[in-house]
C-alpha atoms as a PDB file:
ATOM      1  CA  GLU A   1      -9.932  56.247 -18.428  1.00  0.00           C
ATOM      2  CA  ASN A   2      -8.850  58.698 -15.685  1.00  0.00           C
ATOM      3  CA  GLY A   3      -6.566  56.109 -13.966  1.00  0.00           C
ATOM      4  CA  ARG A   4      -9.327  53.741 -12.910  1.00  0.00           C
ATOM      5  CA  ILE A   5      -9.498  50.036 -13.770  1.00  0.00           C
ATOM      6  CA  PRO A   6     -12.746  49.031 -15.490  1.00  0.00           C
ATOM      7  CA  ARG A   7     -15.010  46.833 -13.409  1.00  0.00           C
ATOM      8  CA  GLU A   8     -14.944  43.988 -15.980  1.00  0.00           C
ATOM      9  CA  ARG A   9     -11.145  43.731 -15.743  1.00  0.00           C
ATOM     10  CA  LEU A  10     -11.322  43.675 -11.941  1.00  0.00           C
ATOM     11  CA  LYS A  11     -13.809  40.796 -11.984  1.00  0.00           C
ATOM     12  CA  ALA A  12     -11.723  38.798 -14.480  1.00  0.00           C
ATOM     13  CA  GLY A  13      -8.555  39.377 -12.440  1.00  0.00           C
ATOM     14  CA  SER A  14     -10.147  38.317  -9.181  1.00  0.00           C
ATOM     15  CA  ARG A  15     -11.599  35.163 -10.784  1.00  0.00           C
ATOM     16  CA  ARG A  16      -8.152  34.235 -12.104  1.00  0.00           C
ATOM     17  CA  GLY A  17      -6.656  34.930  -8.670  1.00  0.00           C
ATOM     18  CA  ILE A  18      -9.201  32.740  -6.912  1.00  0.00           C
ATOM     19  CA  LEU A  19      -8.731  29.973  -9.485  1.00  0.00           C
ATOM     20  CA  GLY A  20      -4.937  30.252  -9.097  1.00  0.00           C
ATOM     21  CA  MET A  21      -5.157  30.033  -5.310  1.00  0.00           C
ATOM     22  CA  ALA A  22      -7.487  27.014  -5.514  1.00  0.00           C
ATOM     23  CA  LEU A  23      -5.133  25.268  -7.942  1.00  0.00           C
ATOM     24  CA  PHE A  24      -2.163  26.066  -5.687  1.00  0.00           C
ATOM     25  CA  ALA A  25      -3.977  24.708  -2.618  1.00  0.00           C
ATOM     26  CA  ALA A  26      -4.922  21.515  -4.483  1.00  0.00           C
ATOM     27  CA  LEU A  27      -1.297  20.981  -5.570  1.00  0.00           C
ATOM     28  CA  VAL A  28       0.000  21.554  -2.033  1.00  0.00           C
ATOM     29  CA  PHE A  29      -2.552  19.109  -0.621  1.00  0.00           C
ATOM     30  CA  ALA A  30      -1.703  16.488  -3.262  1.00  0.00           C
ATOM     31  CA  GLY A  31       2.015  17.002  -2.644  1.00  0.00           C
ATOM     32  CA  LEU A  32       1.634  16.598   1.118  1.00  0.00           C
ATOM     33  CA  ASP A  33      -0.474  13.484   0.665  1.00  0.00           C
ATOM     34  CA  TRP A  34       2.104  12.020  -1.764  1.00  0.00           C
ATOM     35  CA  THR A  35       4.964  12.957   0.590  1.00  0.00           C
ATOM     36  CA  GLN A  36       3.391  11.196   3.553  1.00  0.00           C
ATOM     37  CA  LYS A  37       3.059   8.009   1.510  1.00  0.00           C
ATOM     38  CA  ASN A  38       6.298   7.977  -0.553  1.00  0.00           C
ATOM     39  CA  VAL A  39       9.103  10.009   0.991  1.00  0.00           C
ATOM     40  CA  GLU A  40      11.203   8.171   3.518  1.00  0.00           C
ATOM     41  CA  VAL A  41      13.790  10.065   5.509  1.00  0.00           C
ATOM     42  CA  VAL A  42      15.902   8.140   8.000  1.00  0.00           C
ATOM     43  CA  THR A  43      18.433   9.177  10.609  1.00  0.00           C
ATOM     44  CA  LEU A  44      21.981   7.978   9.996  1.00  0.00           C
ATOM     45  CA  HIS A  45      24.028   7.837  13.210  1.00  0.00           C
ATOM     46  CA  VAL A  46      27.741   8.220  12.496  1.00  0.00           C
ATOM     47  CA  SER A  47      30.272   8.102  15.329  1.00  0.00           C
ATOM     48  CA  GLY A  48      33.217  10.392  14.748  1.00  0.00           C
ATOM     49  CA  ASP A  49      36.524  10.815  16.534  1.00  0.00           C
ATOM     50  CA  TYR A  50      35.203  13.487  18.869  1.00  0.00           C
ATOM     51  CA  THR A  51      31.515  13.774  18.138  1.00  0.00           C
ATOM     52  CA  ASP A  52      28.467  11.875  16.917  1.00  0.00           C
ATOM     53  CA  HIS A  53      26.549  12.973  13.831  1.00  0.00           C
ATOM     54  CA  TYR A  54      22.858  12.385  13.220  1.00  0.00           C
ATOM     55  CA  ALA A  55      22.272  12.996   9.529  1.00  0.00           C
ATOM     56  CA  ARG A  56      18.783  13.012   8.026  1.00  0.00           C
ATOM     57  CA  VAL A  57      19.026  11.279   4.642  1.00  0.00           C
ATOM     58  CA  PHE A  58      16.860   9.722   1.960  1.00  0.00           C
ATOM     59  CA  ILE A  59      17.214   5.959   1.653  1.00  0.00           C
ATOM     60  CA  VAL A  60      16.515   3.393  -1.081  1.00  0.00           C
ATOM     61  CA  ASP A  61      16.442  -0.377  -0.886  1.00  0.00           C
ATOM     62  CA  ASP A  62      18.751  -2.479  -3.054  1.00  0.00           C
ATOM     63  CA  PRO A  63      18.592  -5.885  -1.318  1.00  0.00           C
ATOM     64  CA  PRO A  64      20.468  -7.035   0.595  1.00  0.00           C
ATOM     65  CA  ALA A  65      21.869  -3.515   1.038  1.00  0.00           C
ATOM     66  CA  VAL A  66      20.428   0.000   1.104  1.00  0.00           C
ATOM     67  CA  TRP A  67      21.786   3.254  -0.297  1.00  0.00           C
ATOM     68  CA  VAL A  68      21.947   6.744   1.148  1.00  0.00           C
ATOM     69  CA  ARG A  69      23.663   9.803  -0.283  1.00  0.00           C
ATOM     70  CA  ALA A  70      25.575  12.733   1.067  1.00  0.00           C
ATOM     71  CA  GLU A  71      24.123  15.495  -1.103  1.00  0.00           C
ATOM     72  CA  ARG A  72      27.493  17.263  -1.092  1.00  0.00           C
ATOM     73  CA  PRO A  73      30.994  15.826  -0.618  1.00  0.00           C
ATOM     74  CA  ASP A  74      31.801  18.427   2.059  1.00  0.00           C
ATOM     75  CA  ARG A  75      29.258  17.160   4.615  1.00  0.00           C
ATOM     76  CA  LEU A  76      30.882  17.091   8.043  1.00  0.00           C
ATOM     77  CA  TRP A  77      29.573  13.622   8.859  1.00  0.00           C
ATOM     78  CA  LEU A  78      31.079  12.121   5.692  1.00  0.00           C
ATOM     79  CA  ALA A  79      34.676  12.396   6.998  1.00  0.00           C
ATOM     80  CA  SER A  80      33.611  10.647  10.215  1.00  0.00           C
ATOM     81  CA  LEU A  81      31.874   7.946   8.178  1.00  0.00           C
ATOM     82  CA  ARG A  82      35.039   7.304   6.178  1.00  0.00           C
ATOM     83  CA  SER A  83      37.093   6.870   9.346  1.00  0.00           C
ATOM     84  CA  ASN A  84      34.455   4.762  11.119  1.00  0.00           C
ATOM     85  CA  PRO A  85      32.157   2.943   8.655  1.00  0.00           C
ATOM     86  CA  GLU A  86      30.106   1.216  11.360  1.00  0.00           C
ATOM     87  CA  VAL A  87      26.808   3.125  11.449  1.00  0.00           C
ATOM     88  CA  VAL A  88      23.281   2.769  12.757  1.00  0.00           C
ATOM     89  CA  VAL A  89      20.173   3.745  10.801  1.00  0.00           C
ATOM     90  CA  HIS A  90      16.994   4.652  12.632  1.00  0.00           C
ATOM     91  CA  ARG A  91      14.270   3.537  10.220  1.00  0.00           C
ATOM     92  CA  GLY A  92      10.648   3.288  11.203  1.00  0.00           C
ATOM     93  CA  ASP A  93      10.516   2.028  14.763  1.00  0.00           C
ATOM     94  CA  GLY A  94      13.899   0.329  14.827  1.00  0.00           C
ATOM     95  CA  ASP A  95      17.647   0.792  14.707  1.00  0.00           C
ATOM     96  CA  ILE A  96      19.632  -1.273  12.187  1.00  0.00           C
ATOM     97  CA  ALA A  97      23.426  -1.676  12.265  1.00  0.00           C
ATOM     98  CA  TYR A  98      25.241  -1.325   8.936  1.00  0.00           C
ATOM     99  CA  HIS A  99      28.732  -1.250   7.506  1.00  0.00           C
ATOM    100  CA  ALA A 100      29.086   1.732   5.145  1.00  0.00           C
ATOM    101  CA  LYS A 101      31.013   1.698   1.875  1.00  0.00           C
ATOM    102  CA  VAL A 102      31.461   5.194   0.448  1.00  0.00           C
ATOM    103  CA  TRP A 103      31.567   5.415  -3.343  1.00  0.00           C
ATOM    104  CA  ASN A 104      35.207   5.779  -4.337  1.00  0.00           C
ATOM    105  CA  GLY A 105      34.629   8.017  -7.353  1.00  0.00           C
ATOM    106  CA  GLU A 106      35.379   5.365  -9.974  1.00  0.00           C
ATOM    107  CA  GLY A 107      32.816   4.770 -12.673  1.00  0.00           C
ATOM    108  CA  GLY A 108      29.369   6.249 -12.680  1.00  0.00           C
ATOM    109  CA  HIS A 109      26.580   5.900 -10.198  1.00  0.00           C
ATOM    110  CA  GLN A 110      23.699   6.186 -12.659  1.00  0.00           C
ATOM    111  CA  ARG A 111      22.002   3.027 -11.355  1.00  0.00           C
ATOM    112  CA  ILE A 112      21.955   4.410  -7.808  1.00  0.00           C
ATOM    113  CA  ASP A 113      20.672   7.769  -9.057  1.00  0.00           C
ATOM    114  CA  GLU A 114      17.926   5.913 -10.922  1.00  0.00           C
ATOM    115  CA  LEU A 115      16.913   4.070  -7.713  1.00  0.00           C
ATOM    116  CA  PHE A 116      16.531   7.444  -5.968  1.00  0.00           C
ATOM    117  CA  ARG A 117      14.654   8.985  -8.938  1.00  0.00           C
ATOM    118  CA  THR A 118      12.267   6.026  -9.013  1.00  0.00           C
ATOM    119  CA  LYS A 119      11.465   6.240  -5.308  1.00  0.00           C
ATOM    120  CA  TYR A 120      11.457  10.022  -4.782  1.00  0.00           C
ATOM    121  CA  GLY A 121      10.587  11.405  -8.225  1.00  0.00           C
ATOM    122  CA  VAL A 122      10.176  15.176  -8.178  1.00  0.00           C
ATOM    123  CA  PHE A 123      11.830  15.553  -4.772  1.00  0.00           C
ATOM    124  CA  ASP A 124      15.030  13.962  -6.069  1.00  0.00           C
ATOM    125  CA  ARG A 125      15.052  16.288  -9.078  1.00  0.00           C
ATOM    126  CA  VAL A 126      14.489  19.359  -6.892  1.00  0.00           C
ATOM    127  CA  ALA A 127      17.314  18.284  -4.549  1.00  0.00           C
ATOM    128  CA  ALA A 128      19.600  17.812  -7.556  1.00  0.00           C
ATOM    129  CA  TRP A 129      18.743  21.306  -8.763  1.00  0.00           C
ATOM    130  CA  ILE A 130      19.207  22.941  -5.348  1.00  0.00           C
ATOM    131  CA  TRP A 131      22.495  21.241  -4.495  1.00  0.00           C
ATOM    132  CA  ARG A 132      23.816  21.036  -8.076  1.00  0.00           C
ATOM    133  CA  ARG A 133      23.995  17.276  -7.515  1.00  0.00           C
ATOM    134  CA  ASN A 134      27.509  16.368  -6.559  1.00  0.00           C
ATOM    135  CA  ALA A 135      26.149  13.619  -4.329  1.00  0.00           C
ATOM    136  CA  VAL A 136      28.257  10.858  -2.822  1.00  0.00           C
ATOM    137  CA  PRO A 137      26.477   7.475  -2.800  1.00  0.00           C
ATOM    138  CA  ILE A 138      26.966   5.299   0.264  1.00  0.00           C
ATOM    139  CA  ARG A 139      26.131   1.608   0.263  1.00  0.00           C
ATOM    140  CA  LEU A 140      24.998   0.337   3.646  1.00  0.00           C
ATOM    141  CA  GLU A 141      25.374  -3.395   4.129  1.00  0.00           C
ATOM    142  CA  PRO A 142      23.756  -5.133   7.085  1.00  0.00           C
ATOM    143  CA  ARG A 143      26.571  -6.149   9.412  1.00  0.00           C
ATOM    144  CA  SER A 144      25.634  -9.790   8.956  1.00  0.00           C
ATOM    145  CA  GLU A 145      26.022  -9.415   5.166  1.00  0.00           C
ATOM    146  CA  LEU A 146      29.581  -8.045   5.019  1.00  0.00           C
ATOM    147  CA  ALA A 147      30.579 -10.483   2.295  1.00  0.00           C
ATOM    148  CA  THR A 148      28.504  -8.526  -0.257  1.00  0.00           C
ATOM    149  CA  SER A 149      30.720  -6.625  -2.709  1.00  0.00           C
ATOM    150  CA  PHE A 150      30.362  -2.932  -3.655  1.00  0.00           C
END
């Protein structure tokens, strides 16, 4: 065939390419639409000894408390949170004051992981794969509800 690609193979390849691009575009559009409706990222304001941290975190409701996670235990803001557990979460249009209780490492946190999987689905699984999920769960209790146990 003197190094040339037959016309039939070119047509079939370009049809597959166009179909692949259309499928990719549809998935991206569906993903963006789903993200706008289901993914909630809040800003966690942690006051440290010498600096303030504004961490962007996923959040799940577990009334009367909420949960957030540090995706890795070496996050800079996590040390500040441990020394000063009084935090503020910017959620929606408001700021809510919480008292943070960092998971102490005892027992499992499967129930919390399940709350995140239920709310965030594929995004939670991708985050677990990227960061090799060594997440630290943090229970945030409204300051008026401090009697709630961990």
